[in-house]
Amino acid sequence: MFFTPKMIELHREKQSTSLLCLSTGNFAGLGHIREKELTENCKAVGIPADRVHIVDDKRLQDGMQEVWEPTVIAQYLDKYVCDIDVLYTFDEWGISAHPNHIAVHNGVKSWYNNSRVGGLEVQYLETTNIFRKYIGFLDVPISLLLFSKGLELSLLKWPRDDMFAALKSMQRHKSQLVWFRYLFILFSRYAYINSFKAA
């Protein structure tokens, strides 16, 4: 949902892409359904099923009260992050302040600083202020104006890209498509543009 513009850009540029999801999303007991939905969604944006890795670990459970340890996250990064040039992940604010997103950032940052995988670049998806977060497509010109050195932008390019890609993407995640996610998809900048900061 948050990374749709980047995923579409990588597919458009025919980049070989993998996805690592550190939880099945089993908060409501729907992990087995959400795994299938995520795999289907990835196929739709050009990531083959054999390059989608979904972790089912009792130490990495979905939820606002769950604490994910950086050492556990590092184990899975060691296992799955190889032969890639760039790793895209959340920044320290986790876009929505979700503790799992923040834990992913902290785990990746700690792992990257301690392992220094040769040739790997880490890019953090920028969390913007609430105003910019919810002005949807109108954030594109603002982001272009604020574009600075060290910031990477990925945006949907009309008419080549489907401007409703985030909505179509979430329609494959039926178990998560509750009323407020429709609002997020329609009004969030993250449906149209991503900005990344290098580690």
Protein backbone atom coordinates (compact mmCIF):
# COMPACT_ATOMS: atom_id res chain seq x y z
CA MET A 1 0.00 0.00 0.00
CA PHE A 2 2.73 2.48 0.95
CA PHE A 3 5.28 1.38 -1.66
CA THR A 4 2.98 1.08 -4.71
CA PRO A 5 4.60 3.89 -6.78
CA LYS A 6 8.07 2.36 -6.24
CA MET A 7 6.87 -1.15 -7.09
CA ILE A 8 5.23 0.09 -10.29
CA GLU A 9 8.34 2.06 -11.24
CA LEU A 10 10.56 -1.00 -10.76
CA HIS A 11 8.19 -3.08 -12.89
CA ARG A 12 8.06 -0.35 -15.58
CA GLU A 13 11.87 -0.31 -15.68
CA LYS A 14 11.95 -4.12 -15.82
CA GLN A 15 14.01 -4.35 -12.64
CA SER A 16 14.28 -7.74 -10.98
CA THR A 17 12.46 -7.23 -7.68
CA SER A 18 11.90 -9.27 -4.54
CA LEU A 19 9.68 -8.60 -1.56
CA LEU A 20 10.33 -9.58 2.05
CA CYS A 21 7.38 -9.22 4.42
CA LEU A 22 8.29 -9.88 8.04
CA SER A 23 4.79 -10.89 9.17
CA THR A 24 1.83 -12.82 7.82
CA GLY A 25 -0.48 -10.04 9.09
CA ASN A 26 -2.20 -12.48 11.42
CA PHE A 27 -3.57 -9.85 13.84
CA ALA A 28 -7.17 -10.88 13.13
CA GLY A 29 -6.32 -14.55 12.56
CA LEU A 30 -6.25 -14.05 8.78
CA GLY A 31 -2.54 -14.61 8.17
CA HIS A 32 -3.02 -17.53 5.76
CA ILE A 33 -5.44 -15.43 3.66
CA ARG A 34 -3.22 -12.34 3.72
CA GLU A 35 -0.20 -14.35 2.57
CA LYS A 36 -2.07 -15.43 -0.56
CA GLU A 37 -3.41 -11.93 -1.16
CA LEU A 38 0.06 -10.39 -0.89
CA THR A 39 1.52 -12.93 -3.29
CA GLU A 40 -1.24 -12.19 -5.84
CA ASN A 41 -0.71 -8.46 -5.43
CA CYS A 42 3.02 -8.84 -6.03
CA LYS A 43 2.41 -10.86 -9.19
CA ALA A 44 0.22 -8.01 -10.49
CA VAL A 45 3.12 -5.56 -10.17
CA GLY A 46 5.68 -7.90 -11.70
CA ILE A 47 7.13 -9.71 -8.67
CA PRO A 48 6.91 -13.47 -9.27
CA ALA A 49 5.67 -15.68 -6.44
CA ASP A 50 9.09 -17.29 -5.99
CA ARG A 51 10.53 -13.86 -5.15
CA VAL A 52 7.91 -13.08 -2.48
CA HIS A 53 9.11 -14.10 0.99
CA ILE A 54 6.62 -13.92 3.85
CA VAL A 55 7.90 -14.69 7.33
CA ASP A 56 5.73 -16.63 9.79
CA ASP A 57 7.54 -16.26 13.11
CA LYS A 58 5.83 -16.05 16.49
CA ARG A 59 8.35 -13.35 17.45
CA LEU A 60 7.17 -11.15 14.54
CA GLN A 61 3.42 -10.97 15.03
CA ASP A 62 1.25 -8.22 13.57
CA GLY A 63 -0.21 -5.79 16.08
CA MET A 64 0.02 -2.40 17.73
CA GLN A 65 1.23 -3.94 21.00
CA GLU A 66 3.81 -6.28 19.48
CA VAL A 67 7.53 -5.62 19.98
CA TRP A 68 9.88 -6.86 17.28
CA GLU A 69 13.52 -7.25 18.28
CA PRO A 70 16.16 -6.02 15.81
CA THR A 71 18.13 -9.25 16.24
CA VAL A 72 15.17 -11.31 15.02
CA ILE A 73 14.71 -9.01 12.02
CA ALA A 74 18.46 -9.31 11.31
CA GLN A 75 18.17 -13.12 11.10
CA TYR A 76 15.70 -12.81 8.24
CA LEU A 77 17.66 -10.07 6.51
CA ASP A 78 20.73 -12.32 6.61
CA LYS A 79 18.66 -15.13 5.11
CA TYR A 80 16.84 -13.23 2.35
CA VAL A 81 18.82 -10.11 1.48
CA CYS A 82 21.46 -11.23 -0.97
CA ASP A 83 22.36 -10.32 -4.52
CA ILE A 84 20.40 -7.07 -4.45
CA ASP A 85 21.49 -3.52 -5.06
CA VAL A 86 18.88 -1.55 -3.12
CA LEU A 87 16.69 -2.30 -0.12
CA TYR A 88 13.61 -0.08 0.30
CA THR A 89 11.99 0.11 3.74
CA PHE A 90 10.26 2.40 6.23
CA ASP A 91 11.89 5.41 7.87
CA GLU A 92 12.03 5.91 11.65
CA TRP A 93 8.42 7.19 11.75
CA GLY A 94 6.97 4.22 9.87
CA ILE A 95 4.59 6.38 7.74
CA SER A 96 1.63 5.63 10.01
CA ALA A 97 3.58 5.32 13.30
CA HIS A 98 2.73 1.61 13.32
CA PRO A 99 5.13 -0.06 15.77
CA ASN A 100 5.78 -2.93 13.34
CA HIS A 101 6.85 -0.47 10.62
CA ILE A 102 9.11 1.36 13.06
CA ALA A 103 10.57 -1.96 14.23
CA VAL A 104 11.38 -2.85 10.62
CA HIS A 105 13.23 0.45 10.24
CA ASN A 106 15.16 -0.09 13.47
CA GLY A 107 15.98 -3.69 12.56
CA VAL A 108 17.16 -2.81 9.05
CA LYS A 109 19.20 0.15 10.31
CA SER A 110 20.91 -1.92 13.00
CA TRP A 111 21.56 -4.81 10.61
CA TYR A 112 22.90 -2.53 7.89
CA ASN A 113 25.18 -0.60 10.26
CA ASN A 114 26.58 -3.81 11.76
CA SER A 115 26.86 -6.03 8.69
CA ARG A 116 27.74 -3.53 5.95
CA VAL A 117 26.73 -5.82 3.13
CA GLY A 118 29.01 -4.91 0.25
CA GLY A 119 27.43 -2.79 -2.46
CA LEU A 120 24.00 -2.63 -0.83
CA GLU A 121 22.17 0.70 -0.70
CA VAL A 122 19.34 1.21 1.82
CA GLN A 123 16.58 3.73 1.08
CA TYR A 124 14.02 4.81 3.70
CA LEU A 125 10.49 5.78 2.63
CA GLU A 126 10.01 9.33 3.87
CA THR A 127 7.22 10.05 6.35
CA THR A 128 5.73 13.45 5.58
CA ASN A 129 3.66 15.75 7.78
CA ILE A 130 -0.07 15.11 8.07
CA PHE A 131 -0.98 17.84 5.58
CA ARG A 132 1.24 16.46 2.82
CA LYS A 133 0.34 12.89 3.70
CA TYR A 134 -3.33 13.41 2.88
CA ILE A 135 -3.38 15.76 -0.11
CA GLY A 136 -3.03 12.87 -2.50
CA PHE A 137 -1.81 13.67 -5.99
CA LEU A 138 -1.39 17.34 -5.04
CA ASP A 139 1.75 16.37 -3.14
CA VAL A 140 3.50 15.53 -6.42
CA PRO A 141 4.28 19.18 -7.32
CA ILE A 142 5.20 19.93 -3.69
CA SER A 143 7.60 16.97 -3.63
CA LEU A 144 9.13 18.06 -6.91
CA LEU A 145 9.62 21.59 -5.52
CA LEU A 146 11.15 20.27 -2.32
CA PHE A 147 13.25 17.68 -4.11
CA SER A 148 16.75 17.78 -2.71
CA LYS A 149 20.03 16.04 -3.22
CA GLY A 150 20.01 12.65 -1.55
CA LEU A 151 16.26 12.19 -2.03
CA GLU A 152 14.94 9.68 -4.54
CA LEU A 153 11.44 10.17 -5.97
CA SER A 154 9.18 7.52 -7.48
CA LEU A 155 5.90 8.65 -8.92
CA LEU A 156 3.19 7.28 -11.11
CA LYS A 157 3.49 8.66 -14.64
CA TRP A 158 0.20 9.34 -16.32
CA PRO A 159 -0.99 8.10 -18.80
CA ARG A 160 1.50 5.22 -18.87
CA ASP A 161 0.88 4.19 -15.27
CA ASP A 162 -2.51 3.43 -13.83
CA MET A 163 -3.36 6.28 -11.47
CA PHE A 164 -5.62 3.91 -9.54
CA ALA A 165 -2.88 1.30 -9.08
CA ALA A 166 -2.96 1.56 -5.27
CA LEU A 167 -6.70 0.95 -5.23
CA LYS A 168 -6.40 -2.00 -7.59
CA SER A 169 -3.53 -3.27 -5.49
CA MET A 170 -5.56 -3.11 -2.27
CA GLN A 171 -8.51 -4.82 -3.97
CA ARG A 172 -6.28 -7.90 -4.01
CA HIS A 173 -6.00 -7.50 -0.21
CA LYS A 174 -9.70 -7.95 0.44
CA SER A 175 -9.12 -9.01 4.03
CA GLN A 176 -7.53 -5.60 4.76
CA LEU A 177 -9.73 -3.40 2.59
CA VAL A 178 -11.87 -1.80 5.30
CA TRP A 179 -13.61 1.57 4.86
CA PHE A 180 -10.77 3.78 6.15
CA ARG A 181 -8.27 2.20 3.74
CA TYR A 182 -10.41 3.45 0.82
CA LEU A 183 -9.94 6.96 2.20
CA PHE A 184 -6.22 6.40 2.64
CA ILE A 185 -5.84 5.17 -0.93
CA LEU A 186 -7.79 8.07 -2.40
CA PHE A 187 -6.26 10.86 -0.33
CA SER A 188 -2.78 9.63 0.57
CA ARG A 189 0.29 10.85 -1.31
CA TYR A 190 1.67 7.31 -0.97
CA ALA A 191 -0.80 6.13 -3.61
CA TYR A 192 0.89 8.45 -6.16
CA ILE A 193 4.43 9.26 -5.02
CA ASN A 194 7.20 7.88 -2.84
CA SER A 195 10.21 9.82 -1.64
CA PHE A 196 13.19 7.98 -0.20
CA LYS A 197 16.17 9.07 1.90
CA ALA A 198 19.44 7.15 1.67
CA ALA A 199 20.75 5.49 4.83
